[in-house]
C-alpha cells in the first residue's frame, strides 16, 4: 500500500486541508449551504483527460465533511458515537472538468426522513456553468447499525425539523424504492 501523497488513494491531505481551512469559518445552521473551492489535480483525471466519474464522488466528500464541521453535526457525531455513511447517490455529469481547473463546490443539506439524510452537491466552473450535481442519501449509524437521523440531529438542535423535501427528491426516493434489492445475479 502506498502512502497518500494527495493522489492515488483517498485524498486525506486535501481533506485535512479543507477541514483546517474551515475550522474557524462562521458556523452554519443545519440546513445552510457550504461553499468551497477545489482544483482538479493530475491524479483526479481519467484516460480522457478529465475528472474521473468515481473521483468526482470522492471529491464531493471534501465539501460534506467541512460542512458537517461548520454545522455542528461532526462534533455531535463524535460525542454521541455516531457515524455517517453514503447509502445512495444519483449523479449528473454535464460539463468536463479538466486538469488544474478550479471548481466551486456547493454543498447543501436538503432534509431528512425517518431513515436518511439528503444532501445535494454541485461543482461549478469559472463560467458559472454547473459541471455536475449529486443527490446523496446519507445514513446515520451507531454501534454498527443504522439509526434514525433525528437521533444525531437533535444533538445539534433539540428542536430540529426537516424542511419539506423538494418534489424531485421525493420522486427519487419513490423511484429508488421500486428498485429490487438484492439485484438480479445472472
Protein backbone atom coordinates (compact mmCIF):
# COMPACT_ATOMS: atom_id res chain seq x y z
CA UNK A 1 0.00 0.00 0.00
CA UNK A 2 1.49 3.34 -0.92
CA UNK A 3 1.50 6.45 1.18
CA UNK A 4 -1.15 9.00 0.23
CA UNK A 5 0.59 12.00 -1.33
CA UNK A 6 -2.65 13.69 -2.32
CA UNK A 7 -3.17 11.38 -5.27
CA UNK A 8 -3.74 7.71 -5.71
CA UNK A 9 -5.85 6.60 -2.80
CA UNK A 10 -8.30 8.66 -0.80
CA UNK A 11 -7.28 12.35 -0.70
CA UNK A 12 -6.51 12.54 3.02
CA UNK A 13 -4.19 15.53 2.67
CA UNK A 14 -6.86 17.51 0.83
CA UNK A 15 -9.46 16.54 3.43
CA UNK A 16 -7.20 17.65 6.27
CA UNK A 17 -6.55 20.91 4.43
CA UNK A 18 -10.27 21.59 3.88
CA UNK A 19 -11.09 20.76 7.49
CA UNK A 20 -8.28 23.02 8.74
CA UNK A 21 -9.24 25.80 6.33
CA UNK A 22 -12.85 25.93 7.58
CA UNK A 23 -12.23 25.25 11.29
CA UNK A 24 -12.79 28.92 12.17
CA UNK A 25 -15.28 29.74 9.43
CA UNK A 26 -18.65 31.09 10.57
CA UNK A 27 -20.95 28.39 11.93
CA UNK A 28 -23.74 27.17 9.70
CA UNK A 29 -27.27 26.15 10.58
CA UNK A 30 -28.13 22.53 9.87
CA UNK A 31 -29.67 23.37 6.50
CA UNK A 32 -27.41 26.18 5.36
CA UNK A 33 -25.14 25.96 2.31
CA UNK A 34 -21.38 25.42 2.43
CA UNK A 35 -19.21 26.77 -0.42
CA UNK A 36 -15.66 25.60 -1.15
CA UNK A 37 -13.13 25.75 -3.97
CA UNK A 38 -11.10 22.85 -5.31
CA UNK A 39 -8.77 22.03 -8.19
CA UNK A 40 -8.84 19.02 -10.46
CA UNK A 41 -5.35 17.58 -9.98
CA UNK A 42 -3.49 15.23 -12.35
CA UNK A 43 -4.35 12.16 -10.24
CA UNK A 44 -8.06 13.02 -10.44
CA UNK A 45 -8.29 12.55 -14.21
CA UNK A 46 -9.13 9.51 -16.32
CA UNK A 47 -7.80 8.35 -19.70
CA UNK A 48 -9.93 11.01 -21.44
CA UNK A 49 -8.04 13.72 -19.54
CA UNK A 50 -10.99 14.86 -17.46
CA UNK A 51 -12.19 14.41 -13.89
CA UNK A 52 -12.87 10.72 -13.33
CA UNK A 53 -16.50 9.95 -12.53
CA UNK A 54 -15.60 7.96 -9.40
CA UNK A 55 -13.16 10.60 -8.23
CA UNK A 56 -15.97 13.16 -8.56
CA UNK A 57 -17.84 11.34 -5.79
CA UNK A 58 -14.70 11.27 -3.66
CA UNK A 59 -14.14 15.00 -4.16
CA UNK A 60 -17.69 15.67 -3.00
CA UNK A 61 -16.53 14.34 0.40
CA UNK A 62 -14.30 17.44 0.52
CA UNK A 63 -17.48 19.52 0.72
CA UNK A 64 -19.57 17.36 3.04
CA UNK A 65 -17.01 16.90 5.82
CA UNK A 66 -16.17 20.61 6.31
CA UNK A 67 -19.90 21.39 6.10
CA UNK A 68 -20.53 18.92 8.94
CA UNK A 69 -17.80 20.62 10.98
CA UNK A 70 -19.36 24.03 10.39
CA UNK A 71 -22.94 22.99 11.17
CA UNK A 72 -22.03 21.07 14.32
CA UNK A 73 -23.04 17.60 13.15
CA UNK A 74 -19.42 16.32 13.14
CA UNK A 75 -18.96 17.30 16.80
CA UNK A 76 -22.33 15.78 17.74
CA UNK A 77 -21.47 12.60 15.83
CA UNK A 78 -18.16 12.22 17.66
CA UNK A 79 -19.71 12.94 21.06
CA UNK A 80 -22.62 10.55 20.54
CA UNK A 81 -20.72 7.73 18.86
CA UNK A 82 -22.49 8.25 15.55
CA UNK A 83 -21.12 7.59 12.11
CA UNK A 84 -22.23 8.81 8.70
CA UNK A 85 -22.24 6.72 5.54
CA UNK A 86 -23.34 7.31 1.98
CA UNK A 87 -26.28 4.99 1.38
CA UNK A 88 -27.10 6.06 -2.17
CA UNK A 89 -26.39 8.66 -4.80
CA UNK A 90 -27.76 9.95 -8.07
CA UNK A 91 -25.26 11.88 -10.17
CA UNK A 92 -25.48 14.02 -13.30
CA UNK A 93 -22.32 14.80 -15.24
CA UNK A 94 -22.81 17.69 -17.69
CA UNK A 95 -19.57 19.64 -18.29
CA UNK A 96 -15.98 18.48 -18.49
CA UNK A 97 -13.63 19.26 -15.61
CA UNK A 98 -10.01 19.11 -16.74
CA UNK A 99 -6.61 19.13 -15.06
CA UNK A 100 -5.88 22.21 -12.92
CA UNK A 101 -9.37 23.57 -13.49
CA UNK A 102 -10.73 25.34 -10.41
CA UNK A 103 -14.25 24.45 -9.41
CA UNK A 104 -16.62 25.95 -6.91
CA UNK A 105 -18.42 23.30 -4.89
CA UNK A 106 -21.81 23.94 -3.32
CA UNK A 107 -22.93 21.57 -0.55
CA UNK A 108 -26.41 21.83 0.90
CA UNK A 109 -28.42 19.56 3.21
CA UNK A 110 -31.91 19.17 1.73
CA UNK A 111 -33.67 17.48 4.64
CA UNK A 112 -34.26 14.12 6.25
CA UNK A 113 -36.89 11.47 6.80
CA UNK A 114 -37.15 8.60 9.29
CA UNK A 115 -34.28 6.67 7.63
CA UNK A 116 -31.92 9.02 5.77
CA UNK A 117 -30.40 12.46 5.42
CA UNK A 118 -30.48 14.02 1.93
CA UNK A 119 -27.82 16.39 0.62
CA UNK A 120 -27.23 17.93 -2.76
CA UNK A 121 -23.87 19.00 -4.08
CA UNK A 122 -22.73 20.60 -7.29
CA UNK A 123 -19.49 21.68 -8.97
CA UNK A 124 -19.39 24.91 -11.00
CA UNK A 125 -16.76 26.14 -13.45
CA UNK A 126 -15.37 29.68 -13.84
CA UNK A 127 -18.06 30.47 -16.46
CA UNK A 128 -20.76 29.78 -13.86
CA UNK A 129 -21.83 26.55 -15.56
CA UNK A 130 -22.82 23.54 -13.48
CA UNK A 131 -20.43 20.71 -14.30
CA UNK A 132 -22.07 18.01 -12.20
CA UNK A 133 -24.66 17.55 -9.49
CA UNK A 134 -25.28 14.78 -6.97
CA UNK A 135 -28.08 13.90 -4.60
CA UNK A 136 -26.67 11.95 -1.65
CA UNK A 137 -28.67 9.72 0.66
CA UNK A 138 -26.78 9.51 3.93
CA UNK A 139 -27.27 7.01 6.72
CA UNK A 140 -26.58 7.74 10.37
CA UNK A 141 -25.04 4.80 12.20
CA UNK A 142 -24.40 3.96 15.82
CA UNK A 143 -22.95 0.70 17.13
CA UNK A 144 -22.68 -0.52 13.52
CA UNK A 145 -26.42 -0.18 12.90
CA UNK A 146 -28.47 2.44 11.13
CA UNK A 147 -30.40 4.77 13.40
CA UNK A 148 -32.96 7.47 12.54
CA UNK A 149 -31.12 10.69 11.57
CA UNK A 150 -33.16 12.62 14.13
CA UNK A 151 -31.06 10.96 16.87
CA UNK A 152 -27.93 12.73 15.63
CA UNK A 153 -29.61 15.96 14.55
CA UNK A 154 -31.31 16.52 17.93
CA UNK A 155 -27.84 16.58 19.48
CA UNK A 156 -27.15 19.64 17.29
CA UNK A 157 -30.58 21.28 17.57
CA UNK A 158 -33.12 19.81 20.01
CA UNK A 159 -35.95 21.45 18.03
CA UNK A 160 -34.80 20.30 14.59
CA UNK A 161 -37.40 19.63 11.93
CA UNK A 162 -36.78 18.71 8.35
CA UNK A 163 -37.68 21.22 5.69
CA UNK A 164 -40.15 19.78 3.20
CA UNK A 165 -38.20 17.66 0.75
CA UNK A 166 -38.39 19.05 -2.80
CA UNK A 167 -40.60 17.11 -5.23
CA UNK A 168 -37.59 15.93 -7.25
CA UNK A 169 -36.05 14.41 -4.10
CA UNK A 170 -39.35 12.76 -3.13
CA UNK A 171 -39.64 11.38 -6.68
CA UNK A 172 -36.12 9.96 -6.49
CA UNK A 173 -36.88 8.30 -3.12
CA UNK A 174 -40.08 6.81 -4.53
CA UNK A 175 -38.38 5.57 -7.71
CA UNK A 176 -35.47 4.11 -5.77
CA UNK A 177 -37.89 2.23 -3.51
CA UNK A 178 -39.11 0.30 -6.59
CA UNK A 179 -35.59 -0.88 -7.38
CA UNK A 180 -35.13 -4.55 -6.42
CA UNK A 181 -32.77 -5.47 -3.61
CA UNK A 182 -30.78 -7.55 -3.81
CA UNK A 183 -30.30 -7.11 -7.57
CA UNK A 184 -30.51 -9.99 -10.02
CA UNK A 185 -27.34 -12.05 -10.10
CA UNK A 186 -27.42 -13.77 -13.52
